Amino acid sequence: MGAQDNESFEVFFDKFMEEEFQVSRVLFPITKVFLDDDTYDADSIILQKGDWIYDRMLLSVQDKTDAYPQIYDNFSHKLRDTDERVFAWKGFSDVEVYYYFKRIAGKWFLVRIEDFSV
C-alpha cells in the first residue's frame, strides 16, 4: 500500500465517533493508563474486545469550559508527517486525556489510552 492509499486521519477520526466503526479500529488488547482514585499513582488495565465500552471522546468533555481538544501527529507531541497521532483533551484544571492512534498498513487504529484526569 503506497502513501497515496493511506487513510486520512481527519476522515478516519470523524468516522471513529460511530460506535460500530470505533470497535473495529481499536487494536486489541489495548492498554488504558489511569490515575488511581486513592493514591493518584498511575495504574493500567488491559482491555480485550469484549471489555470495550463505546468512547464518546469528543462529547465526553466538550461541555467543560476548562478543556480544549488538541491533536498531535506523533507520540512525542511534535508536528511532523508521521503515522502517529495523539488526540488530547487538555484542561486548565483536572482534565488530561490522551488517545494514541497509529496508522498500520494504511489504516488508523487506536493503540493506547492515558487518562490522568483528577
PDB file of N, CA and C in Angstrom:
ATOM      1  N   MET A   1       0.848  -1.173   0.000  1.00  0.00           N
ATOM      2  CA  MET A   1       0.000   0.000   0.000  1.00  0.00           C
ATOM      3  C   MET A   1       0.891   1.234   0.000  1.00  0.00           C
ATOM      4  N   GLY A   2       0.720   2.110  -0.973  1.00  0.00           N
ATOM      5  CA  GLY A   2       1.547   3.298  -1.086  1.00  0.00           C
ATOM      6  C   GLY A   2       1.012   4.439  -0.261  1.00  0.00           C
ATOM      7  N   ALA A   3       1.816   5.502  -0.170  1.00  0.00           N
ATOM      8  CA  ALA A   3       1.422   6.668   0.630  1.00  0.00           C
ATOM      9  C   ALA A   3       0.101   7.260   0.148  1.00  0.00           C
ATOM     10  N   GLN A   4      -0.151   7.200  -1.183  1.00  0.00           N
ATOM     11  CA  GLN A   4      -1.400   7.752  -1.709  1.00  0.00           C
ATOM     12  C   GLN A   4      -2.618   6.945  -1.253  1.00  0.00           C
ATOM     13  N   ASP A   5      -2.413   5.713  -0.803  1.00  0.00           N
ATOM     14  CA  ASP A   5      -3.505   4.876  -0.325  1.00  0.00           C
ATOM     15  C   ASP A   5      -3.737   5.021   1.179  1.00  0.00           C
ATOM     16  N   ASN A   6      -2.912   5.808   1.848  1.00  0.00           N
ATOM     17  CA  ASN A   6      -3.063   5.980   3.290  1.00  0.00           C
ATOM     18  C   ASN A   6      -4.367   6.694   3.613  1.00  0.00           C
ATOM     19  N   GLU A   7      -5.043   6.195   4.623  1.00  0.00           N
ATOM     20  CA  GLU A   7      -6.283   6.783   5.097  1.00  0.00           C
ATOM     21  C   GLU A   7      -5.996   8.139   5.749  1.00  0.00           C
ATOM     22  N   SER A   8      -6.807   9.120   5.440  1.00  0.00           N
ATOM     23  CA  SER A   8      -6.693  10.437   6.052  1.00  0.00           C
ATOM     24  C   SER A   8      -7.102  10.344   7.516  1.00  0.00           C
ATOM     25  N   PHE A   9      -6.320  10.948   8.418  1.00  0.00           N
ATOM     26  CA  PHE A   9      -6.675  10.907   9.830  1.00  0.00           C
ATOM     27  C   PHE A   9      -7.982  11.653  10.084  1.00  0.00           C
ATOM     28  N   GLU A  10      -8.178  12.775   9.421  1.00  0.00           N
ATOM     29  CA  GLU A  10      -9.369  13.585   9.657  1.00  0.00           C
ATOM     30  C   GLU A  10     -10.636  12.810   9.270  1.00  0.00           C
ATOM     31  N   VAL A  11     -10.612  12.131   8.121  1.00  0.00           N
ATOM     32  CA  VAL A  11     -11.766  11.336   7.690  1.00  0.00           C
ATOM     33  C   VAL A  11     -11.982  10.172   8.658  1.00  0.00           C
ATOM     34  N   PHE A  12     -10.887   9.484   9.008  1.00  0.00           N
ATOM     35  CA  PHE A  12     -10.965   8.377   9.961  1.00  0.00           C
ATOM     36  C   PHE A  12     -11.546   8.839  11.296  1.00  0.00           C
ATOM     37  N   PHE A  13     -11.053   9.962  11.820  1.00  0.00           N
ATOM     38  CA  PHE A  13     -11.450  10.416  13.154  1.00  0.00           C
ATOM     39  C   PHE A  13     -12.941  10.736  13.210  1.00  0.00           C
ATOM     40  N   ASP A  14     -13.474  11.359  12.160  1.00  0.00           N
ATOM     41  CA  ASP A  14     -14.913  11.627  12.120  1.00  0.00           C
ATOM     42  C   ASP A  14     -15.700  10.326  12.179  1.00  0.00           C
ATOM     43  N   LYS A  15     -15.261   9.329  11.429  1.00  0.00           N
ATOM     44  CA  LYS A  15     -15.957   8.038  11.404  1.00  0.00           C
ATOM     45  C   LYS A  15     -15.757   7.276  12.719  1.00  0.00           C
ATOM     46  N   PHE A  16     -14.634   7.516  13.399  1.00  0.00           N
ATOM     47  CA  PHE A  16     -14.324   6.834  14.656  1.00  0.00           C
ATOM     48  C   PHE A  16     -15.342   7.162  15.752  1.00  0.00           C
ATOM     49  N   MET A  17     -16.093   8.225  15.584  1.00  0.00           N
ATOM     50  CA  MET A  17     -17.119   8.586  16.563  1.00  0.00           C
ATOM     51  C   MET A  17     -18.346   7.689  16.441  1.00  0.00           C
ATOM     52  N   GLU A  18     -18.439   6.874  15.366  1.00  0.00           N
ATOM     53  CA  GLU A  18     -19.541   5.926  15.184  1.00  0.00           C
ATOM     54  C   GLU A  18     -19.214   4.656  15.968  1.00  0.00           C
ATOM     55  N   GLU A  19     -20.163   4.196  16.754  1.00  0.00           N
ATOM     56  CA  GLU A  19     -19.923   3.090  17.691  1.00  0.00           C
ATOM     57  C   GLU A  19     -19.397   1.813  17.021  1.00  0.00           C
ATOM     58  N   GLU A  20     -20.033   1.351  15.962  1.00  0.00           N
ATOM     59  CA  GLU A  20     -19.603   0.101  15.319  1.00  0.00           C
ATOM     60  C   GLU A  20     -18.238   0.237  14.675  1.00  0.00           C
ATOM     61  N   PHE A  21     -17.988   1.368  14.026  1.00  0.00           N
ATOM     62  CA  PHE A  21     -16.692   1.582  13.399  1.00  0.00           C
ATOM     63  C   PHE A  21     -15.595   1.669  14.459  1.00  0.00           C
ATOM     64  N   GLN A  22     -15.905   2.326  15.575  1.00  0.00           N
ATOM     65  CA  GLN A  22     -14.906   2.519  16.620  1.00  0.00           C
ATOM     66  C   GLN A  22     -14.336   1.201  17.106  1.00  0.00           C
ATOM     67  N   VAL A  23     -15.177   0.259  17.450  1.00  0.00           N
ATOM     68  CA  VAL A  23     -14.683  -1.013  17.982  1.00  0.00           C
ATOM     69  C   VAL A  23     -13.867  -1.776  16.926  1.00  0.00           C
ATOM     70  N   SER A  24     -14.155  -1.547  15.657  1.00  0.00           N
ATOM     71  CA  SER A  24     -13.398  -2.228  14.595  1.00  0.00           C
ATOM     72  C   SER A  24     -12.010  -1.627  14.417  1.00  0.00           C
ATOM     73  N   ARG A  25     -11.776  -0.432  14.971  1.00  0.00           N
ATOM     74  CA  ARG A  25     -10.490   0.246  14.788  1.00  0.00           C
ATOM     75  C   ARG A  25      -9.728   0.450  16.084  1.00  0.00           C
ATOM     76  N   VAL A  26     -10.014  -0.380  17.076  1.00  0.00           N
ATOM     77  CA  VAL A  26      -9.218  -0.414  18.299  1.00  0.00           C
ATOM     78  C   VAL A  26      -8.329  -1.639  18.188  1.00  0.00           C
ATOM     79  N   LEU A  27      -7.030  -1.463  18.391  1.00  0.00           N
ATOM     80  CA  LEU A  27      -6.086  -2.571  18.296  1.00  0.00           C
ATOM     81  C   LEU A  27      -6.048  -3.295  19.642  1.00  0.00           C
ATOM     82  N   PHE A  28      -6.799  -4.385  19.737  1.00  0.00           N
ATOM     83  CA  PHE A  28      -6.904  -5.164  20.975  1.00  0.00           C
ATOM     84  C   PHE A  28      -5.808  -6.209  21.034  1.00  0.00           C
ATOM     85  N   PRO A  29      -5.340  -6.521  22.241  1.00  0.00           N
ATOM     86  CA  PRO A  29      -5.678  -5.881  23.514  1.00  0.00           C
ATOM     87  C   PRO A  29      -5.062  -4.487  23.580  1.00  0.00           C
ATOM     88  N   ILE A  30      -5.744  -3.590  24.279  1.00  0.00           N
ATOM     89  CA  ILE A  30      -5.290  -2.197  24.371  1.00  0.00           C
ATOM     90  C   ILE A  30      -5.055  -1.851  25.843  1.00  0.00           C
ATOM     91  N   THR A  31      -4.007  -1.074  26.081  1.00  0.00           N
ATOM     92  CA  THR A  31      -3.682  -0.629  27.441  1.00  0.00           C
ATOM     93  C   THR A  31      -4.364   0.703  27.719  1.00  0.00           C
ATOM     94  N   LYS A  32      -4.996   0.789  28.882  1.00  0.00           N
ATOM     95  CA  LYS A  32      -5.561   2.049  29.354  1.00  0.00           C
ATOM     96  C   LYS A  32      -4.870   2.390  30.664  1.00  0.00           C
ATOM     97  N   VAL A  33      -4.177   3.523  30.664  1.00  0.00           N
ATOM     98  CA  VAL A  33      -3.475   4.015  31.849  1.00  0.00           C
ATOM     99  C   VAL A  33      -4.371   5.071  32.500  1.00  0.00           C
ATOM    100  N   PHE A  34      -4.428   5.053  33.830  1.00  0.00           N
ATOM    101  CA  PHE A  34      -5.279   5.989  34.552  1.00  0.00           C
ATOM    102  C   PHE A  34      -4.676   6.263  35.918  1.00  0.00           C
ATOM    103  N   LEU A  35      -5.186   7.285  36.590  1.00  0.00           N
ATOM    104  CA  LEU A  35      -4.749   7.596  37.945  1.00  0.00           C
ATOM    105  C   LEU A  35      -5.627   6.859  38.942  1.00  0.00           C
ATOM    106  N   ASP A  36      -4.997   6.217  39.897  1.00  0.00           N
ATOM    107  CA  ASP A  36      -5.728   5.556  40.974  1.00  0.00           C
ATOM    108  C   ASP A  36      -6.444   6.632  41.790  1.00  0.00           C
ATOM    109  N   ASP A  37      -7.731   6.424  42.054  1.00  0.00           N
ATOM    110  CA  ASP A  37      -8.529   7.429  42.772  1.00  0.00           C
ATOM    111  C   ASP A  37      -8.021   7.722  44.180  1.00  0.00           C
ATOM    112  N   ASP A  38      -7.416   6.725  44.824  1.00  0.00           N
ATOM    113  CA  ASP A  38      -6.971   6.906  46.203  1.00  0.00           C
ATOM    114  C   ASP A  38      -5.546   7.446  46.305  1.00  0.00           C
ATOM    115  N   THR A  39      -4.638   6.909  45.488  1.00  0.00           N
ATOM    116  CA  THR A  39      -3.223   7.270  45.618  1.00  0.00           C
ATOM    117  C   THR A  39      -2.747   8.284  44.582  1.00  0.00           C
ATOM    118  N   TYR A  40      -3.518   8.477  43.512  1.00  0.00           N
ATOM    119  CA  TYR A  40      -3.141   9.328  42.384  1.00  0.00           C
ATOM    120  C   TYR A  40      -1.888   8.829  41.674  1.00  0.00           C
ATOM    121  N   ASP A  41      -1.535   7.546  41.880  1.00  0.00           N
ATOM    122  CA  ASP A  41      -0.444   6.919  41.137  1.00  0.00           C
ATOM    123  C   ASP A  41      -1.002   6.372  39.826  1.00  0.00           C
ATOM    124  N   ALA A  42      -0.157   6.299  38.803  1.00  0.00           N
ATOM    125  CA  ALA A  42      -0.573   5.729  37.525  1.00  0.00           C
ATOM    126  C   ALA A  42      -0.773   4.226  37.679  1.00  0.00           C
ATOM    127  N   ASP A  43      -1.842   3.737  37.132  1.00  0.00           N
ATOM    128  CA  ASP A  43      -2.158   2.314  37.104  1.00  0.00           C
ATOM    129  C   ASP A  43      -2.613   2.007  35.687  1.00  0.00           C
ATOM    130  N   SER A  44      -2.768   0.747  35.344  1.00  0.00           N
ATOM    131  CA  SER A  44      -3.213   0.417  33.995  1.00  0.00           C
ATOM    132  C   SER A  44      -4.009  -0.871  33.987  1.00  0.00           C
ATOM    133  N   ILE A  45      -4.815  -1.008  32.958  1.00  0.00           N
ATOM    134  CA  ILE A  45      -5.544  -2.242  32.707  1.00  0.00           C
ATOM    135  C   ILE A  45      -5.393  -2.572  31.229  1.00  0.00           C
ATOM    136  N   ILE A  46      -5.526  -3.831  30.907  1.00  0.00           N
ATOM    137  CA  ILE A  46      -5.502  -4.295  29.524  1.00  0.00           C
ATOM    138  C   ILE A  46      -6.936  -4.637  29.148  1.00  0.00           C
ATOM    139  N   LEU A  47      -7.442  -4.002  28.112  1.00  0.00           N
ATOM    140  CA  LEU A  47      -8.810  -4.239  27.667  1.00  0.00           C
ATOM    141  C   LEU A  47      -8.817  -5.168  26.460  1.00  0.00           C
ATOM    142  N   GLN A  48      -9.679  -6.166  26.504  1.00  0.00           N
ATOM    143  CA  GLN A  48      -9.926  -7.043  25.364  1.00  0.00           C
ATOM    144  C   GLN A  48     -11.154  -6.506  24.627  1.00  0.00           C
ATOM    145  N   LYS A  49     -11.405  -7.010  23.439  1.00  0.00           N
ATOM    146  CA  LYS A  49     -12.539  -6.530  22.643  1.00  0.00           C
ATOM    147  C   LYS A  49     -13.848  -6.621  23.423  1.00  0.00           C
ATOM    148  N   GLY A  50     -14.050  -7.696  24.171  1.00  0.00           N
ATOM    149  CA  GLY A  50     -15.279  -7.867  24.942  1.00  0.00           C
ATOM    150  C   GLY A  50     -15.422  -6.881  26.085  1.00  0.00           C
ATOM    151  N   ASP A  51     -14.319  -6.232  26.486  1.00  0.00           N
ATOM    152  CA  ASP A  51     -14.341  -5.251  27.578  1.00  0.00           C
ATOM    153  C   ASP A  51     -14.631  -3.832  27.086  1.00  0.00           C
ATOM    154  N   TRP A  52     -14.560  -3.627  25.762  1.00  0.00           N
ATOM    155  CA  TRP A  52     -14.635  -2.277  25.216  1.00  0.00           C
ATOM    156  C   TRP A  52     -16.014  -1.666  25.423  1.00  0.00           C
ATOM    157  N   ILE A  53     -16.028  -0.434  25.891  1.00  0.00           N
ATOM    158  CA  ILE A  53     -17.245   0.356  26.014  1.00  0.00           C
ATOM    159  C   ILE A  53     -17.072   1.553  25.089  1.00  0.00           C
ATOM    160  N   TYR A  54     -18.069   1.799  24.258  1.00  0.00           N
ATOM    161  CA  TYR A  54     -18.021   2.906  23.306  1.00  0.00           C
ATOM    162  C   TYR A  54     -17.557   4.179  23.996  1.00  0.00           C
ATOM    163  N   ASP A  55     -16.573   4.827  23.404  1.00  0.00           N
ATOM    164  CA  ASP A  55     -15.973   6.025  23.984  1.00  0.00           C
ATOM    165  C   ASP A  55     -16.409   7.246  23.183  1.00  0.00           C
ATOM    166  N   ARG A  56     -17.199   8.088  23.801  1.00  0.00           N
ATOM    167  CA  ARG A  56     -17.667   9.312  23.146  1.00  0.00           C
ATOM    168  C   ARG A  56     -16.635  10.415  23.372  1.00  0.00           C
ATOM    169  N   MET A  57     -15.411  10.178  22.973  1.00  0.00           N
ATOM    170  CA  MET A  57     -14.301  11.070  23.322  1.00  0.00           C
ATOM    171  C   MET A  57     -14.548  12.529  22.950  1.00  0.00           C
ATOM    172  N   LEU A  58     -15.234  12.783  21.886  1.00  0.00           N
ATOM    173  CA  LEU A  58     -15.488  14.176  21.517  1.00  0.00           C
ATOM    174  C   LEU A  58     -16.589  14.797  22.352  1.00  0.00           C
ATOM    175  N   LEU A  59     -17.512  13.985  22.815  1.00  0.00           N
ATOM    176  CA  LEU A  59     -18.641  14.513  23.568  1.00  0.00           C
ATOM    177  C   LEU A  59     -18.424  14.457  25.074  1.00  0.00           C
ATOM    178  N   SER A  60     -17.499  13.613  25.519  1.00  0.00           N
ATOM    179  CA  SER A  60     -17.371  13.347  26.948  1.00  0.00           C
ATOM    180  C   SER A  60     -16.924  14.547  27.766  1.00  0.00           C
ATOM    181  N   VAL A  61     -16.141  15.435  27.206  1.00  0.00           N
ATOM    182  CA  VAL A  61     -15.696  16.593  27.981  1.00  0.00           C
ATOM    183  C   VAL A  61     -15.958  17.915  27.287  1.00  0.00           C
ATOM    184  N   GLN A  62     -16.669  17.888  26.175  1.00  0.00           N
ATOM    185  CA  GLN A  62     -16.868  19.144  25.460  1.00  0.00           C
ATOM    186  C   GLN A  62     -17.730  20.139  26.222  1.00  0.00           C
ATOM    187  N   ASP A  63     -18.507  19.662  27.197  1.00  0.00           N
ATOM    188  CA  ASP A  63     -19.319  20.592  27.970  1.00  0.00           C
ATOM    189  C   ASP A  63     -18.511  21.266  29.073  1.00  0.00           C
ATOM    190  N   LYS A  64     -17.274  20.858  29.250  1.00  0.00           N
ATOM    191  CA  LYS A  64     -16.420  21.510  30.240  1.00  0.00           C
ATOM    192  C   LYS A  64     -15.766  22.727  29.583  1.00  0.00           C
ATOM    193  N   THR A  65     -15.916  23.856  30.190  1.00  0.00           N
ATOM    194  CA  THR A  65     -15.353  25.068  29.602  1.00  0.00           C
ATOM    195  C   THR A  65     -13.862  25.186  29.886  1.00  0.00           C
ATOM    196  N   ASP A  66     -13.334  24.306  30.734  1.00  0.00           N
ATOM    197  CA  ASP A  66     -11.921  24.408  31.088  1.00  0.00           C
ATOM    198  C   ASP A  66     -11.059  23.377  30.353  1.00  0.00           C
ATOM    199  N   ALA A  67     -11.562  22.807  29.241  1.00  0.00           N
ATOM    200  CA  ALA A  67     -10.784  21.833  28.476  1.00  0.00           C
ATOM    201  C   ALA A  67     -10.916  22.138  26.994  1.00  0.00           C
ATOM    202  N   TYR A  68      -9.884  21.805  26.248  1.00  0.00           N
ATOM    203  CA  TYR A  68      -9.902  22.006  24.807  1.00  0.00           C
ATOM    204  C   TYR A  68      -9.256  20.798  24.136  1.00  0.00           C
ATOM    205  N   PRO A  69      -9.696  20.464  22.916  1.00  0.00           N
ATOM    206  CA  PRO A  69      -9.102  19.325  22.213  1.00  0.00           C
ATOM    207  C   PRO A  69      -7.822  19.735  21.492  1.00  0.00           C
ATOM    208  N   GLN A  70      -6.881  18.795  21.396  1.00  0.00           N
ATOM    209  CA  GLN A  70      -5.624  19.014  20.686  1.00  0.00           C
ATOM    210  C   GLN A  70      -5.266  17.713  19.990  1.00  0.00           C
ATOM    211  N   ILE A  71      -4.842  17.785  18.734  1.00  0.00           N
ATOM    212  CA  ILE A  71      -4.385  16.593  18.019  1.00  0.00           C
ATOM    213  C   ILE A  71      -2.915  16.779  17.678  1.00  0.00           C
ATOM    214  N   TYR A  72      -2.116  15.787  18.044  1.00  0.00           N
ATOM    215  CA  TYR A  72      -0.693  15.764  17.714  1.00  0.00           C
ATOM    216  C   TYR A  72      -0.461  14.737  16.610  1.00  0.00           C
ATOM    217  N   ASP A  73       0.569  14.927  15.813  1.00  0.00           N
ATOM    218  CA  ASP A  73       0.798  14.000  14.711  1.00  0.00           C
ATOM    219  C   ASP A  73       1.836  12.926  15.013  1.00  0.00           C
ATOM    220  N   ASN A  74       2.233  12.777  16.253  1.00  0.00           N
ATOM    221  CA  ASN A  74       3.152  11.718  16.650  1.00  0.00           C
ATOM    222  C   ASN A  74       3.138  11.608  18.166  1.00  0.00           C
ATOM    223  N   PHE A  75       3.764  10.558  18.683  1.00  0.00           N
ATOM    224  CA  PHE A  75       3.701  10.292  20.112  1.00  0.00           C
ATOM    225  C   PHE A  75       4.549  11.243  20.938  1.00  0.00           C
ATOM    226  N   SER A  76       5.446  12.012  20.315  1.00  0.00           N
ATOM    227  CA  SER A  76       6.238  12.977  21.074  1.00  0.00           C
ATOM    228  C   SER A  76       5.579  14.357  21.087  1.00  0.00           C
ATOM    229  N   HIS A  77       4.379  14.465  20.512  1.00  0.00           N
ATOM    230  CA  HIS A  77       3.573  15.681  20.513  1.00  0.00           C
ATOM    231  C   HIS A  77       4.218  16.815  19.718  1.00  0.00           C
ATOM    232  N   LYS A  78       5.055  16.498  18.730  1.00  0.00           N
ATOM    233  CA  LYS A  78       5.658  17.493  17.853  1.00  0.00           C
ATOM    234  C   LYS A  78       5.102  17.299  16.450  1.00  0.00           C
ATOM    235  N   LEU A  79       4.903  18.383  15.715  1.00  0.00           N
ATOM    236  CA  LEU A  79       4.288  18.301  14.399  1.00  0.00           C
ATOM    237  C   LEU A  79       5.278  17.823  13.340  1.00  0.00           C
ATOM    238  N   ARG A  80       5.012  16.627  12.827  1.00  0.00           N
ATOM    239  CA  ARG A  80       5.780  16.043  11.726  1.00  0.00           C
ATOM    240  C   ARG A  80       4.820  15.185  10.901  1.00  0.00           C
ATOM    241  N   ASP A  81       5.236  14.791   9.709  1.00  0.00           N
ATOM    242  CA  ASP A  81       4.428  13.911   8.873  1.00  0.00           C
ATOM    243  C   ASP A  81       4.739  12.470   9.252  1.00  0.00           C
ATOM    244  N   THR A  82       3.892  11.870  10.102  1.00  0.00           N
ATOM    245  CA  THR A  82       4.140  10.519  10.594  1.00  0.00           C
ATOM    246  C   THR A  82       2.868   9.685  10.530  1.00  0.00           C
ATOM    247  N   ASP A  83       2.982   8.438  10.920  1.00  0.00           N
ATOM    248  CA  ASP A  83       1.838   7.530  11.011  1.00  0.00           C
ATOM    249  C   ASP A  83       1.330   7.442  12.442  1.00  0.00           C
ATOM    250  N   GLU A  84       1.538   8.486  13.215  1.00  0.00           N
ATOM    251  CA  GLU A  84       1.096   8.532  14.604  1.00  0.00           C
ATOM    252  C   GLU A  84       0.317   9.820  14.842  1.00  0.00           C
ATOM    253  N   ARG A  85      -0.737   9.716  15.642  1.00  0.00           N
ATOM    254  CA  ARG A  85      -1.498  10.888  16.060  1.00  0.00           C
ATOM    255  C   ARG A  85      -1.886  10.698  17.520  1.00  0.00           C
ATOM    256  N   VAL A  86      -1.973  11.799  18.233  1.00  0.00           N
ATOM    257  CA  VAL A  86      -2.464  11.783  19.605  1.00  0.00           C
ATOM    258  C   VAL A  86      -3.579  12.817  19.686  1.00  0.00           C
ATOM    259  N   PHE A  87      -4.776  12.346  20.051  1.00  0.00           N
ATOM    260  CA  PHE A  87      -5.884  13.255  20.314  1.00  0.00           C
ATOM    261  C   PHE A  87      -5.902  13.467  21.818  1.00  0.00           C
ATOM    262  N   ALA A  88      -5.853  14.727  22.237  1.00  0.00           N
ATOM    263  CA  ALA A  88      -5.767  15.024  23.672  1.00  0.00           C
ATOM    264  C   ALA A  88      -6.859  15.985  24.088  1.00  0.00           C
ATOM    265  N   TRP A  89      -7.414  15.716  25.263  1.00  0.00           N
ATOM    266  CA  TRP A  89      -8.237  16.704  25.944  1.00  0.00           C
ATOM    267  C   TRP A  89      -7.329  17.322  26.994  1.00  0.00           C
ATOM    268  N   LYS A  90      -7.036  18.594  26.818  1.00  0.00           N
ATOM    269  CA  LYS A  90      -6.163  19.300  27.746  1.00  0.00           C
ATOM    270  C   LYS A  90      -7.021  20.247  28.571  1.00  0.00           C
ATOM    271  N   GLY A  91      -6.859  20.170  29.866  1.00  0.00           N
ATOM    272  CA  GLY A  91      -7.655  21.017  30.736  1.00  0.00           C
ATOM    273  C   GLY A  91      -6.811  22.022  31.479  1.00  0.00           C
ATOM    274  N   PHE A  92      -7.440  23.066  31.912  1.00  0.00           N
ATOM    275  CA  PHE A  92      -6.747  24.070  32.717  1.00  0.00           C
ATOM    276  C   PHE A  92      -6.721  23.653  34.179  1.00  0.00           C
ATOM    277  N   SER A  93      -7.502  22.620  34.506  1.00  0.00           N
ATOM    278  CA  SER A  93      -7.514  22.165  35.895  1.00  0.00           C
ATOM    279  C   SER A  93      -7.394  20.647  35.976  1.00  0.00           C
ATOM    280  N   ASP A  94      -8.486  19.907  35.771  1.00  0.00           N
ATOM    281  CA  ASP A  94      -8.461  18.489  36.099  1.00  0.00           C
ATOM    282  C   ASP A  94      -8.629  17.533  34.918  1.00  0.00           C
ATOM    283  N   VAL A  95      -8.587  18.017  33.673  1.00  0.00           N
ATOM    284  CA  VAL A  95      -8.788  17.151  32.511  1.00  0.00           C
ATOM    285  C   VAL A  95      -7.476  16.965  31.767  1.00  0.00           C
ATOM    286  N   GLU A  96      -7.062  15.696  31.589  1.00  0.00           N
ATOM    287  CA  GLU A  96      -5.859  15.372  30.829  1.00  0.00           C
ATOM    288  C   GLU A  96      -5.999  13.937  30.313  1.00  0.00           C
ATOM    289  N   VAL A  97      -6.491  13.810  29.070  1.00  0.00           N
ATOM    290  CA  VAL A  97      -6.744  12.511  28.471  1.00  0.00           C
ATOM    291  C   VAL A  97      -6.070  12.460  27.107  1.00  0.00           C
ATOM    292  N   TYR A  98      -5.361  11.343  26.830  1.00  0.00           N
ATOM    293  CA  TYR A  98      -4.660  11.165  25.567  1.00  0.00           C
ATOM    294  C   TYR A  98      -5.115   9.868  24.896  1.00  0.00           C
ATOM    295  N   TYR A  99      -5.443   9.968  23.606  1.00  0.00           N
ATOM    296  CA  TYR A  99      -5.790   8.809  22.785  1.00  0.00           C
ATOM    297  C   TYR A  99      -4.701   8.682  21.723  1.00  0.00           C
ATOM    298  N   TYR A 100      -4.001   7.550  21.716  1.00  0.00           N
ATOM    299  CA  TYR A 100      -2.885   7.331  20.797  1.00  0.00           C
ATOM    300  C   TYR A 100      -3.349   6.493  19.611  1.00  0.00           C
ATOM    301  N   PHE A 101      -3.144   7.021  18.400  1.00  0.00           N
ATOM    302  CA  PHE A 101      -3.527   6.346  17.171  1.00  0.00           C
ATOM    303  C   PHE A 101      -2.289   6.056  16.333  1.00  0.00           C
ATOM    304  N   LYS A 102      -2.299   4.932  15.641  1.00  0.00           N
ATOM    305  CA  LYS A 102      -1.189   4.550  14.766  1.00  0.00           C
ATOM    306  C   LYS A 102      -1.765   4.080  13.437  1.00  0.00           C
ATOM    307  N   ARG A 103      -1.144   4.521  12.331  1.00  0.00           N
ATOM    308  CA  ARG A 103      -1.552   4.059  11.010  1.00  0.00           C
ATOM    309  C   ARG A 103      -0.781   2.789  10.699  1.00  0.00           C
ATOM    310  N   ILE A 104      -1.535   1.703  10.505  1.00  0.00           N
ATOM    311  CA  ILE A 104      -0.952   0.387  10.236  1.00  0.00           C
ATOM    312  C   ILE A 104      -1.503  -0.084   8.899  1.00  0.00           C
ATOM    313  N   ALA A 105      -0.605  -0.385   7.968  1.00  0.00           N
ATOM    314  CA  ALA A 105      -0.995  -0.819   6.615  1.00  0.00           C
ATOM    315  C   ALA A 105      -2.005   0.154   6.009  1.00  0.00           C
ATOM    316  N   GLY A 106      -1.789   1.460   6.235  1.00  0.00           N
ATOM    317  CA  GLY A 106      -2.609   2.499   5.632  1.00  0.00           C
ATOM    318  C   GLY A 106      -3.874   2.856   6.377  1.00  0.00           C
ATOM    319  N   LYS A 107      -4.213   2.143   7.466  1.00  0.00           N
ATOM    320  CA  LYS A 107      -5.438   2.410   8.214  1.00  0.00           C
ATOM    321  C   LYS A 107      -5.109   2.803   9.648  1.00  0.00           C
ATOM    322  N   TRP A 108      -5.915   3.719  10.195  1.00  0.00           N
ATOM    323  CA  TRP A 108      -5.702   4.215  11.548  1.00  0.00           C
ATOM    324  C   TRP A 108      -6.364   3.315  12.586  1.00  0.00           C
ATOM    325  N   PHE A 109      -5.655   3.119  13.732  1.00  0.00           N
ATOM    326  CA  PHE A 109      -6.153   2.324  14.850  1.00  0.00           C
ATOM    327  C   PHE A 109      -5.825   3.026  16.156  1.00  0.00           C
ATOM    328  N   LEU A 110      -6.733   2.921  17.123  1.00  0.00           N
ATOM    329  CA  LEU A 110      -6.457   3.372  18.483  1.00  0.00           C
ATOM    330  C   LEU A 110      -5.594   2.310  19.141  1.00  0.00           C
ATOM    331  N   VAL A 111      -4.426   2.718  19.697  1.00  0.00           N
ATOM    332  CA  VAL A 111      -3.490   1.735  20.257  1.00  0.00           C
ATOM    333  C   VAL A 111      -3.237   1.904  21.755  1.00  0.00           C
ATOM    334  N   ARG A 112      -3.654   3.042  22.339  1.00  0.00           N
ATOM    335  CA  ARG A 112      -3.390   3.264  23.765  1.00  0.00           C
ATOM    336  C   ARG A 112      -4.241   4.435  24.247  1.00  0.00           C
ATOM    337  N   ILE A 113      -4.634   4.394  25.511  1.00  0.00           N
ATOM    338  CA  ILE A 113      -5.361   5.495  26.141  1.00  0.00           C
ATOM    339  C   ILE A 113      -4.671   5.821  27.458  1.00  0.00           C
ATOM    340  N   GLU A 114      -4.490   7.111  27.723  1.00  0.00           N
ATOM    341  CA  GLU A 114      -3.970   7.564  29.006  1.00  0.00           C
ATOM    342  C   GLU A 114      -4.919   8.616  29.548  1.00  0.00           C
ATOM    343  N   ASP A 115      -5.428   8.395  30.753  1.00  0.00           N
ATOM    344  CA  ASP A 115      -6.356   9.324  31.374  1.00  0.00           C
ATOM    345  C   ASP A 115      -5.784   9.728  32.738  1.00  0.00           C
ATOM    346  N   PHE A 116      -5.215  10.929  32.775  1.00  0.00           N
ATOM    347  CA  PHE A 116      -4.624  11.434  34.006  1.00  0.00           C
ATOM    348  C   PHE A 116      -5.513  12.508  34.650  1.00  0.00           C
ATOM    349  N   SER A 117      -6.786  12.481  34.308  1.00  0.00           N
ATOM    350  CA  SER A 117      -7.733  13.434  34.886  1.00  0.00           C
ATOM    351  C   SER A 117      -7.896  13.133  36.372  1.00  0.00           C
ATOM    352  N   VAL A 118      -8.110  14.184  37.107  1.00  0.00           N
ATOM    353  CA  VAL A 118      -8.289  14.035  38.557  1.00  0.00           C
ATOM    354  C   VAL A 118      -9.768  14.043  38.877  1.00  0.00           C
TER     355      VAL A 118
END
